Amino acid sequence: MNYDPTRKLTDGDVMDLKPEGWYGDAGKLFRDFTFPDFRTGMAFAVRVAEQAEARGHHPDIHVHYHNVRVNFFTYDAGGVTRQDIDAAYAVNGLAQEEA
């Protein structure tokens, strides 16, 4: 497969390439993170946002008390791209730093 970070991936590609803990569903890539309290969850969400700004690729972030869901989807491609996969790996790195 040629590397084009903006090309929509097939469902099979997403399943093969997604990082540990992430799920592909309805053309989106997502993961739920649970933290000990609201403050820690919010701090993580802010770090994800800062990283997204630096990468120029922004997820949807949903915070519900101590749970944080991160969704990646490239609107221009109409689905998950390699850019989303790479960003998900980067978010996993942030989560490991929180642990």
N, C-alpha and C. Protein backbone atom coordinates (compact mmCIF):
# COMPACT_ATOMS: atom_id res chain seq x y z
N MET A 1 0.85 -1.17 0.00
CA MET A 1 0.00 0.00 0.00
C MET A 1 0.89 1.24 0.00
N ASN A 2 0.65 2.15 -0.91
CA ASN A 2 1.38 3.41 -0.95
C ASN A 2 0.98 4.26 0.25
N TYR A 3 1.95 4.99 0.78
CA TYR A 3 1.66 5.84 1.94
C TYR A 3 1.11 7.17 1.47
N ASP A 4 -0.16 7.37 1.69
CA ASP A 4 -0.83 8.65 1.45
C ASP A 4 -1.64 8.94 2.70
N PRO A 5 -1.17 9.87 3.56
CA PRO A 5 -1.82 10.08 4.84
C PRO A 5 -3.24 10.60 4.76
N THR A 6 -3.67 11.05 3.58
CA THR A 6 -5.01 11.62 3.45
C THR A 6 -5.99 10.72 2.71
N ARG A 7 -5.55 9.52 2.31
CA ARG A 7 -6.42 8.58 1.59
C ARG A 7 -7.29 7.82 2.59
N LYS A 8 -8.56 7.71 2.28
CA LYS A 8 -9.47 6.93 3.13
C LYS A 8 -9.03 5.48 3.12
N LEU A 9 -8.92 4.90 4.31
CA LEU A 9 -8.52 3.51 4.45
C LEU A 9 -9.74 2.60 4.38
N THR A 10 -9.51 1.38 3.96
CA THR A 10 -10.57 0.38 4.00
C THR A 10 -10.77 -0.05 5.45
N ASP A 11 -11.91 -0.70 5.73
CA ASP A 11 -12.14 -1.21 7.08
C ASP A 11 -11.04 -2.19 7.48
N GLY A 12 -10.60 -3.00 6.53
CA GLY A 12 -9.53 -3.96 6.80
C GLY A 12 -8.22 -3.26 7.14
N ASP A 13 -7.91 -2.19 6.42
CA ASP A 13 -6.70 -1.41 6.72
C ASP A 13 -6.78 -0.85 8.14
N VAL A 14 -7.93 -0.31 8.49
CA VAL A 14 -8.11 0.28 9.82
C VAL A 14 -7.88 -0.78 10.89
N MET A 15 -8.46 -1.96 10.70
CA MET A 15 -8.31 -3.04 11.68
C MET A 15 -6.85 -3.48 11.80
N ASP A 16 -6.14 -3.50 10.68
CA ASP A 16 -4.73 -3.92 10.69
C ASP A 16 -3.81 -2.86 11.28
N LEU A 17 -4.12 -1.60 11.09
CA LEU A 17 -3.20 -0.52 11.45
C LEU A 17 -3.51 0.17 12.77
N LYS A 18 -4.72 0.03 13.28
CA LYS A 18 -5.12 0.79 14.47
C LYS A 18 -4.27 0.40 15.68
N PRO A 19 -4.01 1.37 16.56
CA PRO A 19 -3.24 1.06 17.76
C PRO A 19 -4.06 0.28 18.78
N GLU A 20 -3.36 -0.28 19.73
CA GLU A 20 -4.00 -1.06 20.79
C GLU A 20 -5.02 -0.20 21.53
N GLY A 21 -6.19 -0.79 21.78
CA GLY A 21 -7.22 -0.11 22.55
C GLY A 21 -8.19 0.71 21.72
N TRP A 22 -7.92 0.87 20.43
CA TRP A 22 -8.76 1.68 19.55
C TRP A 22 -9.71 0.78 18.78
N TYR A 23 -10.86 1.36 18.42
CA TYR A 23 -11.90 0.64 17.68
C TYR A 23 -12.27 1.43 16.43
N GLY A 24 -12.59 0.72 15.39
CA GLY A 24 -13.11 1.34 14.19
C GLY A 24 -14.58 0.99 14.05
N ASP A 25 -15.41 2.01 13.88
CA ASP A 25 -16.85 1.76 13.74
C ASP A 25 -17.47 2.93 12.98
N ALA A 26 -18.32 2.63 12.03
CA ALA A 26 -19.04 3.65 11.26
C ALA A 26 -18.09 4.67 10.64
N GLY A 27 -16.95 4.19 10.16
CA GLY A 27 -16.00 5.08 9.50
C GLY A 27 -15.24 6.00 10.43
N LYS A 28 -15.24 5.70 11.74
CA LYS A 28 -14.51 6.51 12.71
C LYS A 28 -13.57 5.61 13.51
N LEU A 29 -12.57 6.23 14.06
CA LEU A 29 -11.61 5.56 14.92
C LEU A 29 -11.76 6.18 16.30
N PHE A 30 -11.98 5.37 17.33
CA PHE A 30 -12.20 5.95 18.65
C PHE A 30 -11.62 5.08 19.76
N ARG A 31 -11.40 5.73 20.89
CA ARG A 31 -10.98 5.03 22.10
C ARG A 31 -11.52 5.77 23.30
N ASP A 32 -11.92 4.99 24.31
CA ASP A 32 -12.37 5.54 25.59
C ASP A 32 -11.24 5.40 26.61
N PHE A 33 -10.98 6.46 27.33
CA PHE A 33 -9.97 6.48 28.38
C PHE A 33 -10.67 6.79 29.70
N THR A 34 -10.29 6.12 30.77
CA THR A 34 -10.87 6.36 32.09
C THR A 34 -9.75 6.79 33.03
N PHE A 35 -10.04 7.83 33.79
CA PHE A 35 -9.06 8.40 34.71
C PHE A 35 -9.63 8.38 36.13
N PRO A 36 -8.78 8.58 37.13
CA PRO A 36 -9.27 8.48 38.51
C PRO A 36 -10.26 9.56 38.91
N ASP A 37 -10.21 10.71 38.21
CA ASP A 37 -11.11 11.80 38.58
C ASP A 37 -11.28 12.76 37.40
N PHE A 38 -12.20 13.70 37.55
CA PHE A 38 -12.51 14.67 36.50
C PHE A 38 -11.29 15.50 36.12
N ARG A 39 -10.57 15.97 37.11
CA ARG A 39 -9.41 16.84 36.85
C ARG A 39 -8.37 16.14 35.99
N THR A 40 -8.09 14.89 36.27
CA THR A 40 -7.10 14.15 35.50
C THR A 40 -7.60 13.91 34.07
N GLY A 41 -8.88 13.61 33.93
CA GLY A 41 -9.46 13.42 32.60
C GLY A 41 -9.40 14.70 31.79
N MET A 42 -9.71 15.83 32.42
CA MET A 42 -9.66 17.12 31.71
C MET A 42 -8.23 17.48 31.33
N ALA A 43 -7.29 17.19 32.21
CA ALA A 43 -5.88 17.48 31.89
C ALA A 43 -5.45 16.67 30.67
N PHE A 44 -5.88 15.42 30.61
CA PHE A 44 -5.57 14.59 29.45
C PHE A 44 -6.20 15.17 28.19
N ALA A 45 -7.46 15.57 28.27
CA ALA A 45 -8.15 16.15 27.11
C ALA A 45 -7.42 17.40 26.61
N VAL A 46 -6.93 18.21 27.52
CA VAL A 46 -6.19 19.41 27.13
C VAL A 46 -4.88 19.02 26.44
N ARG A 47 -4.20 18.01 26.94
CA ARG A 47 -2.95 17.56 26.31
C ARG A 47 -3.23 17.01 24.91
N VAL A 48 -4.33 16.29 24.74
CA VAL A 48 -4.71 15.80 23.41
C VAL A 48 -4.96 16.99 22.48
N ALA A 49 -5.65 18.00 22.98
CA ALA A 49 -5.94 19.20 22.17
C ALA A 49 -4.65 19.92 21.77
N GLU A 50 -3.72 20.04 22.70
CA GLU A 50 -2.45 20.70 22.40
C GLU A 50 -1.68 19.93 21.34
N GLN A 51 -1.66 18.61 21.48
CA GLN A 51 -0.98 17.77 20.50
C GLN A 51 -1.65 17.90 19.13
N ALA A 52 -2.97 17.94 19.12
CA ALA A 52 -3.71 18.08 17.86
C ALA A 52 -3.37 19.39 17.17
N GLU A 53 -3.28 20.46 17.94
CA GLU A 53 -2.90 21.75 17.37
C GLU A 53 -1.52 21.67 16.73
N ALA A 54 -0.59 21.03 17.42
CA ALA A 54 0.77 20.91 16.90
C ALA A 54 0.81 20.07 15.62
N ARG A 55 -0.03 19.04 15.55
CA ARG A 55 -0.08 18.16 14.38
C ARG A 55 -0.92 18.74 13.25
N GLY A 56 -1.82 19.66 13.59
CA GLY A 56 -2.73 20.19 12.58
C GLY A 56 -3.80 19.19 12.18
N HIS A 57 -4.11 18.27 13.09
CA HIS A 57 -5.13 17.24 12.82
C HIS A 57 -5.91 17.05 14.12
N HIS A 58 -7.19 17.40 14.11
CA HIS A 58 -7.96 17.53 15.34
C HIS A 58 -9.03 16.45 15.49
N PRO A 59 -9.06 15.80 16.65
CA PRO A 59 -10.11 14.82 16.92
C PRO A 59 -11.33 15.49 17.54
N ASP A 60 -12.40 14.72 17.64
CA ASP A 60 -13.51 15.10 18.50
C ASP A 60 -13.16 14.54 19.87
N ILE A 61 -13.31 15.35 20.91
CA ILE A 61 -13.00 14.93 22.27
C ILE A 61 -14.26 15.11 23.10
N HIS A 62 -14.68 14.05 23.77
CA HIS A 62 -15.87 14.08 24.61
C HIS A 62 -15.46 13.74 26.04
N VAL A 63 -15.81 14.60 26.98
CA VAL A 63 -15.48 14.38 28.38
C VAL A 63 -16.77 14.16 29.15
N HIS A 64 -16.82 13.07 29.90
CA HIS A 64 -17.95 12.79 30.78
C HIS A 64 -17.36 12.36 32.12
N TYR A 65 -17.33 13.29 33.04
CA TYR A 65 -16.72 13.13 34.36
C TYR A 65 -15.28 12.66 34.20
N HIS A 66 -14.96 11.42 34.55
CA HIS A 66 -13.57 10.95 34.46
C HIS A 66 -13.31 10.11 33.20
N ASN A 67 -14.27 10.09 32.30
CA ASN A 67 -14.13 9.34 31.04
C ASN A 67 -13.91 10.32 29.88
N VAL A 68 -12.96 9.98 29.02
CA VAL A 68 -12.66 10.81 27.86
C VAL A 68 -12.69 9.92 26.63
N ARG A 69 -13.50 10.29 25.64
CA ARG A 69 -13.53 9.58 24.36
C ARG A 69 -12.88 10.47 23.31
N VAL A 70 -11.96 9.87 22.56
CA VAL A 70 -11.28 10.56 21.47
C VAL A 70 -11.70 9.89 20.18
N ASN A 71 -12.24 10.67 19.24
CA ASN A 71 -12.68 10.17 17.92
C ASN A 71 -11.85 10.83 16.83
N PHE A 72 -11.35 10.02 15.91
CA PHE A 72 -10.69 10.56 14.73
C PHE A 72 -11.48 10.18 13.49
N PHE A 73 -11.58 11.13 12.57
CA PHE A 73 -12.30 10.97 11.32
C PHE A 73 -11.86 12.11 10.43
N THR A 74 -11.44 11.82 9.22
CA THR A 74 -11.03 12.87 8.30
C THR A 74 -12.20 13.21 7.39
N TYR A 75 -12.81 14.36 7.63
CA TYR A 75 -14.02 14.74 6.90
C TYR A 75 -13.79 14.82 5.40
N ASP A 76 -12.66 15.39 4.98
CA ASP A 76 -12.39 15.52 3.54
C ASP A 76 -12.30 14.17 2.84
N ALA A 77 -11.83 13.15 3.55
CA ALA A 77 -11.70 11.81 2.96
C ALA A 77 -12.97 10.99 3.14
N GLY A 78 -13.82 11.39 4.06
CA GLY A 78 -15.04 10.64 4.33
C GLY A 78 -14.82 9.38 5.14
N GLY A 79 -13.77 9.36 5.95
CA GLY A 79 -13.50 8.19 6.77
C GLY A 79 -12.15 8.30 7.46
N VAL A 80 -11.65 7.17 7.89
CA VAL A 80 -10.38 7.10 8.61
C VAL A 80 -9.23 7.07 7.61
N THR A 81 -8.21 7.88 7.88
CA THR A 81 -7.01 7.93 7.04
C THR A 81 -5.79 7.53 7.87
N ARG A 82 -4.66 7.41 7.21
CA ARG A 82 -3.42 7.10 7.92
C ARG A 82 -3.08 8.23 8.90
N GLN A 83 -3.47 9.44 8.55
CA GLN A 83 -3.27 10.58 9.44
C GLN A 83 -3.99 10.35 10.77
N ASP A 84 -5.19 9.78 10.72
CA ASP A 84 -5.94 9.45 11.93
C ASP A 84 -5.24 8.36 12.74
N ILE A 85 -4.76 7.34 12.03
CA ILE A 85 -4.05 6.24 12.69
C ILE A 85 -2.82 6.78 13.42
N ASP A 86 -2.02 7.59 12.72
CA ASP A 86 -0.81 8.16 13.32
C ASP A 86 -1.15 9.02 14.54
N ALA A 87 -2.21 9.80 14.45
CA ALA A 87 -2.62 10.65 15.57
C ALA A 87 -3.09 9.80 16.75
N ALA A 88 -3.77 8.69 16.47
CA ALA A 88 -4.22 7.79 17.54
C ALA A 88 -3.02 7.19 18.28
N TYR A 89 -1.98 6.81 17.54
CA TYR A 89 -0.76 6.32 18.20
C TYR A 89 -0.17 7.40 19.11
N ALA A 90 -0.18 8.63 18.65
CA ALA A 90 0.35 9.74 19.45
C ALA A 90 -0.49 9.94 20.72
N VAL A 91 -1.81 9.80 20.61
CA VAL A 91 -2.68 9.92 21.79
C VAL A 91 -2.38 8.79 22.77
N ASN A 92 -2.15 7.58 22.27
CA ASN A 92 -1.78 6.48 23.16
C ASN A 92 -0.51 6.82 23.94
N GLY A 93 0.43 7.49 23.28
CA GLY A 93 1.65 7.91 23.97
C GLY A 93 1.35 8.86 25.12
N LEU A 94 0.42 9.78 24.90
CA LEU A 94 0.02 10.69 25.97
C LEU A 94 -0.62 9.93 27.13
N ALA A 95 -1.44 8.95 26.80
CA ALA A 95 -2.12 8.16 27.84
C ALA A 95 -1.11 7.39 28.67
N GLN A 96 -0.06 6.88 28.03
CA GLN A 96 0.97 6.15 28.78
C GLN A 96 1.71 7.09 29.73
N GLU A 97 1.89 8.34 29.32
CA GLU A 97 2.53 9.32 30.19
C GLU A 97 1.66 9.62 31.42
N GLU A 98 0.33 9.55 31.25
CA GLU A 98 -0.60 9.80 32.37
C GLU A 98 -0.58 8.66 33.38
N ALA A 99 -0.27 7.45 32.90
CA ALA A 99 -0.34 6.26 33.77
C ALA A 99 0.75 6.25 34.83
